[in-house]
Amino acid sequence: MSIACFNIRESALLMDSHVIDGNKSQQNFIDLGNHGLLKKYACGDKLDGQYGLSDSVEPILNFIFEIGNSSSTIDVFCTHDFQIMLFLLYIYGCEQSNQDQIWNSWPQMLEGLFLWGDKNHFWACWRGEIKEVIMKDF
């Protein structure tokens, strides 16, 4: 018989890894909406009050692989659809076909992106599509 053990840790990083200035970031959401923000991130455009794509995603990856990923464990990290969208652009690419796929099937509530491996070499799975990710200089 096995007894489950839960460790709950909170981090604002999982909710706002993209935010430099909360007021400016919120205004971007109001002015551009999700679709406009998706386009800006995919094109590498600078957003006032927000970090770029890699600077938004890499701190979360560091967090995930530093506090989790122990043998015989399952780690669950909860975040927002917007952060999942950033991950999908970062991992699967910013080309137009991926942008269209993300926009046409936006991450839904309680939907997950699954990661396994280690910080410099891991796999990601979203909706049955598995992608190997090798991080250089990470």
N, C-alpha and C. Protein backbone atom coordinates (compact mmCIF):
# COMPACT_ATOMS: atom_id res chain seq x y z
N MET A 1 0.84 -1.17 0.00
CA MET A 1 0.00 0.00 0.00
C MET A 1 0.88 1.24 0.00
N SER A 2 0.48 2.21 -0.76
CA SER A 2 1.24 3.46 -0.90
C SER A 2 0.43 4.61 -0.33
N ILE A 3 1.09 5.51 0.32
CA ILE A 3 0.42 6.68 0.88
C ILE A 3 0.85 7.89 0.06
N ALA A 4 -0.13 8.64 -0.43
CA ALA A 4 0.17 9.83 -1.22
C ALA A 4 0.63 10.95 -0.31
N CYS A 5 1.59 11.68 -0.79
CA CYS A 5 2.12 12.82 -0.05
C CYS A 5 2.03 14.04 -0.96
N PHE A 6 1.48 15.12 -0.45
CA PHE A 6 1.31 16.32 -1.25
C PHE A 6 2.10 17.46 -0.66
N ASN A 7 2.89 18.10 -1.49
CA ASN A 7 3.58 19.32 -1.11
C ASN A 7 3.02 20.43 -1.99
N ILE A 8 2.44 21.42 -1.39
CA ILE A 8 1.86 22.53 -2.16
C ILE A 8 2.76 23.74 -1.99
N ARG A 9 3.19 24.26 -3.13
CA ARG A 9 4.02 25.46 -3.15
C ARG A 9 3.36 26.48 -4.05
N GLU A 10 3.37 27.70 -3.63
CA GLU A 10 2.78 28.76 -4.44
C GLU A 10 3.87 29.63 -5.02
N SER A 11 3.64 30.12 -6.22
CA SER A 11 4.56 31.04 -6.86
C SER A 11 3.81 31.91 -7.84
N ALA A 12 3.95 33.22 -7.71
CA ALA A 12 3.34 34.15 -8.65
C ALA A 12 3.92 33.96 -10.04
N LEU A 13 5.11 33.39 -10.11
CA LEU A 13 5.77 33.14 -11.38
C LEU A 13 4.88 32.36 -12.33
N LEU A 14 4.13 31.41 -11.80
CA LEU A 14 3.28 30.58 -12.65
C LEU A 14 2.08 31.34 -13.22
N MET A 15 1.79 32.49 -12.67
CA MET A 15 0.66 33.29 -13.15
C MET A 15 1.09 34.47 -13.99
N ASP A 16 2.24 35.05 -13.69
CA ASP A 16 2.59 36.28 -14.38
C ASP A 16 4.07 36.36 -14.76
N SER A 17 4.60 35.27 -15.27
CA SER A 17 6.00 35.24 -15.67
C SER A 17 6.30 36.24 -16.78
N HIS A 18 5.28 36.69 -17.47
CA HIS A 18 5.44 37.63 -18.58
C HIS A 18 5.38 39.09 -18.14
N VAL A 19 5.07 39.36 -16.88
CA VAL A 19 4.76 40.71 -16.42
C VAL A 19 5.98 41.43 -15.84
N ILE A 20 6.26 42.61 -16.38
CA ILE A 20 7.24 43.54 -15.81
C ILE A 20 6.48 44.59 -15.01
N ASP A 21 5.45 45.15 -15.64
CA ASP A 21 4.61 46.18 -15.02
C ASP A 21 3.15 45.74 -15.19
N GLY A 22 2.50 45.44 -14.07
CA GLY A 22 1.13 44.92 -14.09
C GLY A 22 0.13 45.81 -14.79
N ASN A 23 0.20 47.11 -14.58
CA ASN A 23 -0.75 48.04 -15.22
C ASN A 23 -0.57 48.07 -16.73
N LYS A 24 0.67 48.13 -17.17
CA LYS A 24 0.93 48.16 -18.62
C LYS A 24 0.56 46.82 -19.26
N SER A 25 0.86 45.74 -18.58
CA SER A 25 0.51 44.42 -19.10
C SER A 25 -1.01 44.28 -19.23
N GLN A 26 -1.73 44.71 -18.21
CA GLN A 26 -3.20 44.65 -18.26
C GLN A 26 -3.74 45.49 -19.41
N GLN A 27 -3.14 46.64 -19.64
CA GLN A 27 -3.58 47.50 -20.74
C GLN A 27 -3.34 46.81 -22.09
N ASN A 28 -2.25 46.07 -22.21
CA ASN A 28 -2.00 45.32 -23.44
C ASN A 28 -3.11 44.30 -23.69
N PHE A 29 -3.56 43.61 -22.63
CA PHE A 29 -4.65 42.65 -22.77
C PHE A 29 -5.93 43.36 -23.22
N ILE A 30 -6.18 44.53 -22.67
CA ILE A 30 -7.38 45.29 -23.04
C ILE A 30 -7.28 45.75 -24.50
N ASP A 31 -6.14 46.31 -24.87
CA ASP A 31 -5.97 46.89 -26.20
C ASP A 31 -5.84 45.84 -27.30
N LEU A 32 -5.13 44.76 -27.03
CA LEU A 32 -4.80 43.79 -28.08
C LEU A 32 -5.61 42.50 -28.01
N GLY A 33 -6.08 42.13 -26.83
CA GLY A 33 -6.77 40.85 -26.66
C GLY A 33 -5.79 39.70 -26.81
N ASN A 34 -6.27 38.51 -26.58
CA ASN A 34 -5.41 37.33 -26.66
C ASN A 34 -4.80 37.15 -28.05
N HIS A 35 -5.60 37.36 -29.08
CA HIS A 35 -5.10 37.14 -30.44
C HIS A 35 -4.00 38.13 -30.79
N GLY A 36 -4.18 39.38 -30.44
CA GLY A 36 -3.16 40.39 -30.70
C GLY A 36 -1.88 40.11 -29.94
N LEU A 37 -2.01 39.67 -28.70
CA LEU A 37 -0.83 39.33 -27.90
C LEU A 37 -0.11 38.11 -28.48
N LEU A 38 -0.87 37.10 -28.90
CA LEU A 38 -0.29 35.93 -29.54
C LEU A 38 0.57 36.35 -30.73
N LYS A 39 0.03 37.22 -31.58
CA LYS A 39 0.76 37.70 -32.76
C LYS A 39 2.03 38.44 -32.36
N LYS A 40 1.91 39.33 -31.38
CA LYS A 40 3.08 40.11 -30.94
C LYS A 40 4.18 39.19 -30.42
N TYR A 41 3.83 38.22 -29.58
CA TYR A 41 4.83 37.29 -29.06
C TYR A 41 5.44 36.46 -30.19
N ALA A 42 4.62 35.98 -31.10
CA ALA A 42 5.10 35.14 -32.20
C ALA A 42 6.05 35.90 -33.12
N CYS A 43 5.81 37.19 -33.28
CA CYS A 43 6.66 38.01 -34.16
C CYS A 43 7.88 38.58 -33.43
N GLY A 44 7.95 38.36 -32.12
CA GLY A 44 9.07 38.88 -31.35
C GLY A 44 8.97 40.37 -31.08
N ASP A 45 7.77 40.94 -31.23
CA ASP A 45 7.58 42.36 -30.98
C ASP A 45 7.69 42.68 -29.49
N LYS A 46 8.23 43.81 -29.17
CA LYS A 46 8.35 44.27 -27.79
C LYS A 46 6.99 44.75 -27.31
N LEU A 47 6.61 44.34 -26.12
CA LEU A 47 5.37 44.77 -25.49
C LEU A 47 5.72 45.57 -24.24
N ASP A 48 5.23 46.78 -24.15
CA ASP A 48 5.50 47.62 -23.00
C ASP A 48 4.95 46.95 -21.74
N GLY A 49 5.78 46.77 -20.74
CA GLY A 49 5.35 46.17 -19.48
C GLY A 49 5.38 44.66 -19.44
N GLN A 50 5.88 44.03 -20.51
CA GLN A 50 5.93 42.56 -20.55
C GLN A 50 7.28 42.08 -21.07
N TYR A 51 7.70 40.92 -20.56
CA TYR A 51 8.91 40.28 -21.05
C TYR A 51 8.63 39.64 -22.40
N GLY A 52 9.68 39.35 -23.14
CA GLY A 52 9.56 38.63 -24.40
C GLY A 52 9.29 37.15 -24.16
N LEU A 53 9.18 36.39 -25.23
CA LEU A 53 8.79 34.99 -25.16
C LEU A 53 9.74 34.14 -24.31
N SER A 54 11.02 34.13 -24.64
CA SER A 54 11.94 33.26 -23.89
C SER A 54 12.10 33.73 -22.45
N ASP A 55 12.08 35.05 -22.22
CA ASP A 55 12.20 35.56 -20.85
C ASP A 55 10.94 35.32 -20.03
N SER A 56 9.84 34.98 -20.68
CA SER A 56 8.60 34.62 -19.98
C SER A 56 8.53 33.13 -19.66
N VAL A 57 9.05 32.31 -20.56
CA VAL A 57 8.92 30.86 -20.42
C VAL A 57 10.08 30.23 -19.64
N GLU A 58 11.28 30.66 -19.88
CA GLU A 58 12.44 30.02 -19.26
C GLU A 58 12.43 30.06 -17.73
N PRO A 59 11.98 31.15 -17.09
CA PRO A 59 11.90 31.10 -15.61
C PRO A 59 10.94 30.03 -15.10
N ILE A 60 9.84 29.79 -15.82
CA ILE A 60 8.91 28.74 -15.41
C ILE A 60 9.57 27.37 -15.59
N LEU A 61 10.25 27.17 -16.72
CA LEU A 61 10.96 25.91 -16.91
C LEU A 61 11.99 25.69 -15.81
N ASN A 62 12.74 26.71 -15.47
CA ASN A 62 13.71 26.59 -14.37
C ASN A 62 13.01 26.19 -13.08
N PHE A 63 11.91 26.84 -12.78
CA PHE A 63 11.14 26.55 -11.57
C PHE A 63 10.66 25.10 -11.55
N ILE A 64 10.09 24.66 -12.65
CA ILE A 64 9.56 23.30 -12.75
C ILE A 64 10.67 22.27 -12.53
N PHE A 65 11.78 22.45 -13.22
CA PHE A 65 12.84 21.44 -13.15
C PHE A 65 13.69 21.56 -11.90
N GLU A 66 13.65 22.69 -11.20
CA GLU A 66 14.40 22.82 -9.96
C GLU A 66 13.66 22.25 -8.76
N ILE A 67 12.34 22.46 -8.68
CA ILE A 67 11.63 22.00 -7.48
C ILE A 67 10.92 20.67 -7.67
N GLY A 68 10.75 20.26 -8.90
CA GLY A 68 10.05 19.01 -9.16
C GLY A 68 10.99 17.99 -9.78
N ASN A 69 10.39 17.07 -10.51
CA ASN A 69 11.15 16.13 -11.32
C ASN A 69 11.96 15.13 -10.51
N SER A 70 11.46 14.75 -9.34
CA SER A 70 12.13 13.71 -8.55
C SER A 70 11.62 12.33 -8.97
N SER A 71 12.45 11.33 -8.76
CA SER A 71 12.10 9.96 -9.11
C SER A 71 10.81 9.54 -8.40
N SER A 72 9.97 8.80 -9.10
CA SER A 72 8.72 8.23 -8.58
C SER A 72 7.74 9.29 -8.09
N THR A 73 7.74 10.44 -8.73
CA THR A 73 6.78 11.49 -8.37
C THR A 73 6.08 12.00 -9.62
N ILE A 74 4.95 12.60 -9.40
CA ILE A 74 4.24 13.34 -10.44
C ILE A 74 4.09 14.75 -9.91
N ASP A 75 4.54 15.72 -10.68
CA ASP A 75 4.44 17.12 -10.29
C ASP A 75 3.34 17.78 -11.12
N VAL A 76 2.49 18.52 -10.46
CA VAL A 76 1.42 19.23 -11.13
C VAL A 76 1.61 20.72 -10.87
N PHE A 77 1.71 21.48 -11.92
CA PHE A 77 1.85 22.93 -11.82
C PHE A 77 0.63 23.55 -12.49
N CYS A 78 -0.01 24.46 -11.79
CA CYS A 78 -1.21 25.10 -12.31
C CYS A 78 -0.89 26.52 -12.75
N THR A 79 -1.35 26.86 -13.93
CA THR A 79 -1.09 28.19 -14.48
C THR A 79 -2.31 28.61 -15.29
N HIS A 80 -2.15 29.64 -16.08
CA HIS A 80 -3.25 30.18 -16.89
C HIS A 80 -3.11 29.77 -18.35
N ASP A 81 -4.20 29.90 -19.08
CA ASP A 81 -4.19 29.59 -20.50
C ASP A 81 -3.15 30.44 -21.24
N PHE A 82 -2.95 31.66 -20.80
CA PHE A 82 -1.98 32.53 -21.46
C PHE A 82 -0.56 31.97 -21.34
N GLN A 83 -0.19 31.48 -20.15
CA GLN A 83 1.13 30.89 -19.99
C GLN A 83 1.27 29.62 -20.83
N ILE A 84 0.21 28.84 -20.94
CA ILE A 84 0.27 27.66 -21.80
C ILE A 84 0.49 28.09 -23.24
N MET A 85 -0.19 29.16 -23.67
CA MET A 85 0.00 29.67 -25.03
C MET A 85 1.47 30.06 -25.25
N LEU A 86 2.08 30.73 -24.26
CA LEU A 86 3.49 31.10 -24.38
C LEU A 86 4.37 29.84 -24.53
N PHE A 87 4.09 28.82 -23.71
CA PHE A 87 4.82 27.56 -23.82
C PHE A 87 4.66 26.95 -25.21
N LEU A 88 3.44 26.96 -25.74
CA LEU A 88 3.18 26.35 -27.05
C LEU A 88 3.95 27.08 -28.15
N LEU A 89 4.02 28.39 -28.08
CA LEU A 89 4.82 29.14 -29.05
C LEU A 89 6.31 28.82 -28.89
N TYR A 90 6.75 28.80 -27.65
CA TYR A 90 8.17 28.58 -27.35
C TYR A 90 8.62 27.18 -27.76
N ILE A 91 7.82 26.18 -27.46
CA ILE A 91 8.20 24.79 -27.70
C ILE A 91 7.90 24.34 -29.12
N TYR A 92 6.72 24.67 -29.62
CA TYR A 92 6.31 24.17 -30.93
C TYR A 92 6.63 25.12 -32.07
N GLY A 93 7.01 26.36 -31.75
CA GLY A 93 7.45 27.31 -32.78
C GLY A 93 6.46 28.42 -33.04
N CYS A 94 6.98 29.50 -33.60
CA CYS A 94 6.19 30.71 -33.83
C CYS A 94 5.69 30.83 -35.27
N GLU A 95 5.91 29.80 -36.09
CA GLU A 95 5.46 29.90 -37.48
C GLU A 95 3.94 30.03 -37.54
N GLN A 96 3.47 30.55 -38.66
CA GLN A 96 2.05 30.87 -38.81
C GLN A 96 1.15 29.67 -38.56
N SER A 97 1.56 28.48 -39.02
CA SER A 97 0.69 27.31 -38.84
C SER A 97 0.50 27.01 -37.36
N ASN A 98 1.53 27.18 -36.54
CA ASN A 98 1.39 26.94 -35.10
C ASN A 98 0.56 28.04 -34.45
N GLN A 99 0.74 29.28 -34.88
CA GLN A 99 -0.09 30.37 -34.37
C GLN A 99 -1.56 30.08 -34.65
N ASP A 100 -1.86 29.64 -35.87
CA ASP A 100 -3.24 29.33 -36.25
C ASP A 100 -3.79 28.19 -35.40
N GLN A 101 -2.97 27.16 -35.18
CA GLN A 101 -3.42 26.02 -34.37
C GLN A 101 -3.73 26.46 -32.94
N ILE A 102 -2.85 27.28 -32.36
CA ILE A 102 -3.08 27.76 -30.99
C ILE A 102 -4.35 28.60 -30.96
N TRP A 103 -4.49 29.52 -31.90
CA TRP A 103 -5.64 30.41 -31.88
C TRP A 103 -6.95 29.64 -32.09
N ASN A 104 -6.93 28.70 -33.01
CA ASN A 104 -8.15 27.95 -33.33
C ASN A 104 -8.51 26.90 -32.29
N SER A 105 -7.56 26.55 -31.45
CA SER A 105 -7.86 25.59 -30.38
C SER A 105 -7.18 26.06 -29.09
N TRP A 106 -7.54 27.26 -28.68
CA TRP A 106 -6.95 27.91 -27.50
C TRP A 106 -7.01 26.97 -26.29
N PRO A 107 -5.97 26.94 -25.47
CA PRO A 107 -5.99 26.07 -24.28
C PRO A 107 -7.23 26.31 -23.42
N GLN A 108 -7.88 25.23 -23.05
CA GLN A 108 -9.11 25.29 -22.28
C GLN A 108 -8.85 25.14 -20.78
N MET A 109 -9.83 25.54 -19.99
CA MET A 109 -9.71 25.42 -18.54
C MET A 109 -9.45 23.96 -18.16
N LEU A 110 -8.52 23.76 -17.27
CA LEU A 110 -8.10 22.45 -16.75
C LEU A 110 -7.38 21.59 -17.77
N GLU A 111 -7.04 22.16 -18.92
CA GLU A 111 -6.27 21.41 -19.91
C GLU A 111 -4.80 21.52 -19.56
N GLY A 112 -4.02 20.51 -19.90
CA GLY A 112 -2.63 20.52 -19.52
C GLY A 112 -1.66 20.38 -20.66
N LEU A 113 -0.48 20.85 -20.39
CA LEU A 113 0.69 20.64 -21.23
C LEU A 113 1.61 19.77 -20.38
N PHE A 114 1.99 18.63 -20.87
CA PHE A 114 2.77 17.67 -20.08
C PHE A 114 4.24 17.75 -20.48
N LEU A 115 5.11 17.82 -19.47
CA LEU A 115 6.55 17.89 -19.68
C LEU A 115 7.21 16.77 -18.90
N TRP A 116 8.23 16.15 -19.47
CA TRP A 116 9.01 15.17 -18.74
C TRP A 116 10.43 15.15 -19.32
N GLY A 117 11.38 14.82 -18.47
CA GLY A 117 12.78 14.81 -18.84
C GLY A 117 13.56 15.67 -17.87
N ASP A 118 14.60 16.34 -18.37
CA ASP A 118 15.32 17.26 -17.51
C ASP A 118 15.41 18.62 -18.19
N LYS A 119 15.99 19.55 -17.50
CA LYS A 119 15.97 20.96 -17.91
C LYS A 119 16.54 21.20 -19.31
N ASN A 120 17.55 20.46 -19.68
CA ASN A 120 18.18 20.69 -20.97
C ASN A 120 17.71 19.75 -22.07
N HIS A 121 16.95 18.73 -21.70
CA HIS A 121 16.46 17.77 -22.69
C HIS A 121 15.17 17.17 -22.15
N PHE A 122 14.05 17.62 -22.71
CA PHE A 122 12.77 17.13 -22.23
C PHE A 122 11.82 16.95 -23.39
N TRP A 123 10.68 16.38 -23.08
CA TRP A 123 9.62 16.19 -24.06
C TRP A 123 8.40 16.97 -23.58
N ALA A 124 7.63 17.44 -24.53
CA ALA A 124 6.39 18.15 -24.24
C ALA A 124 5.28 17.47 -25.03
N CYS A 125 4.12 17.38 -24.41
CA CYS A 125 2.98 16.78 -25.10
C CYS A 125 1.77 17.68 -24.88
N TRP A 126 1.14 18.06 -25.97
CA TRP A 126 -0.09 18.84 -25.92
C TRP A 126 -1.05 18.26 -26.94
N ARG A 127 -2.20 17.84 -26.45
CA ARG A 127 -3.24 17.25 -27.29
C ARG A 127 -2.70 16.12 -28.17
N GLY A 128 -1.88 15.28 -27.56
CA GLY A 128 -1.40 14.08 -28.24
C GLY A 128 -0.18 14.29 -29.12
N GLU A 129 0.26 15.51 -29.32
CA GLU A 129 1.45 15.77 -30.14
C GLU A 129 2.66 15.91 -29.22
N ILE A 130 3.65 15.03 -29.42
CA ILE A 130 4.85 15.03 -28.58
C ILE A 130 5.98 15.71 -29.33
N LYS A 131 6.69 16.56 -28.61
CA LYS A 131 7.81 17.30 -29.19
C LYS A 131 9.02 17.14 -28.28
N GLU A 132 10.13 16.72 -28.85
CA GLU A 132 11.38 16.67 -28.10
C GLU A 132 12.00 18.05 -28.09
N VAL A 133 12.47 18.49 -26.91
CA VAL A 133 13.04 19.83 -26.77
C VAL A 133 14.44 19.69 -26.20
N ILE A 134 15.40 20.20 -26.95
CA ILE A 134 16.78 20.24 -26.48
C ILE A 134 17.16 21.70 -26.32
N MET A 135 17.46 22.08 -25.09
CA MET A 135 17.78 23.47 -24.77
C MET A 135 19.29 23.67 -24.84
N LYS A 136 19.70 24.64 -25.59
CA LYS A 136 21.12 24.98 -25.66
C LYS A 136 21.33 26.26 -24.86
N ASP A 137 22.41 26.30 -24.12
CA ASP A 137 22.75 27.49 -23.32
C ASP A 137 21.62 27.88 -22.38
N PHE A 138 21.00 26.89 -21.75
CA PHE A 138 19.87 27.18 -20.84
C PHE A 138 20.30 26.97 -19.44
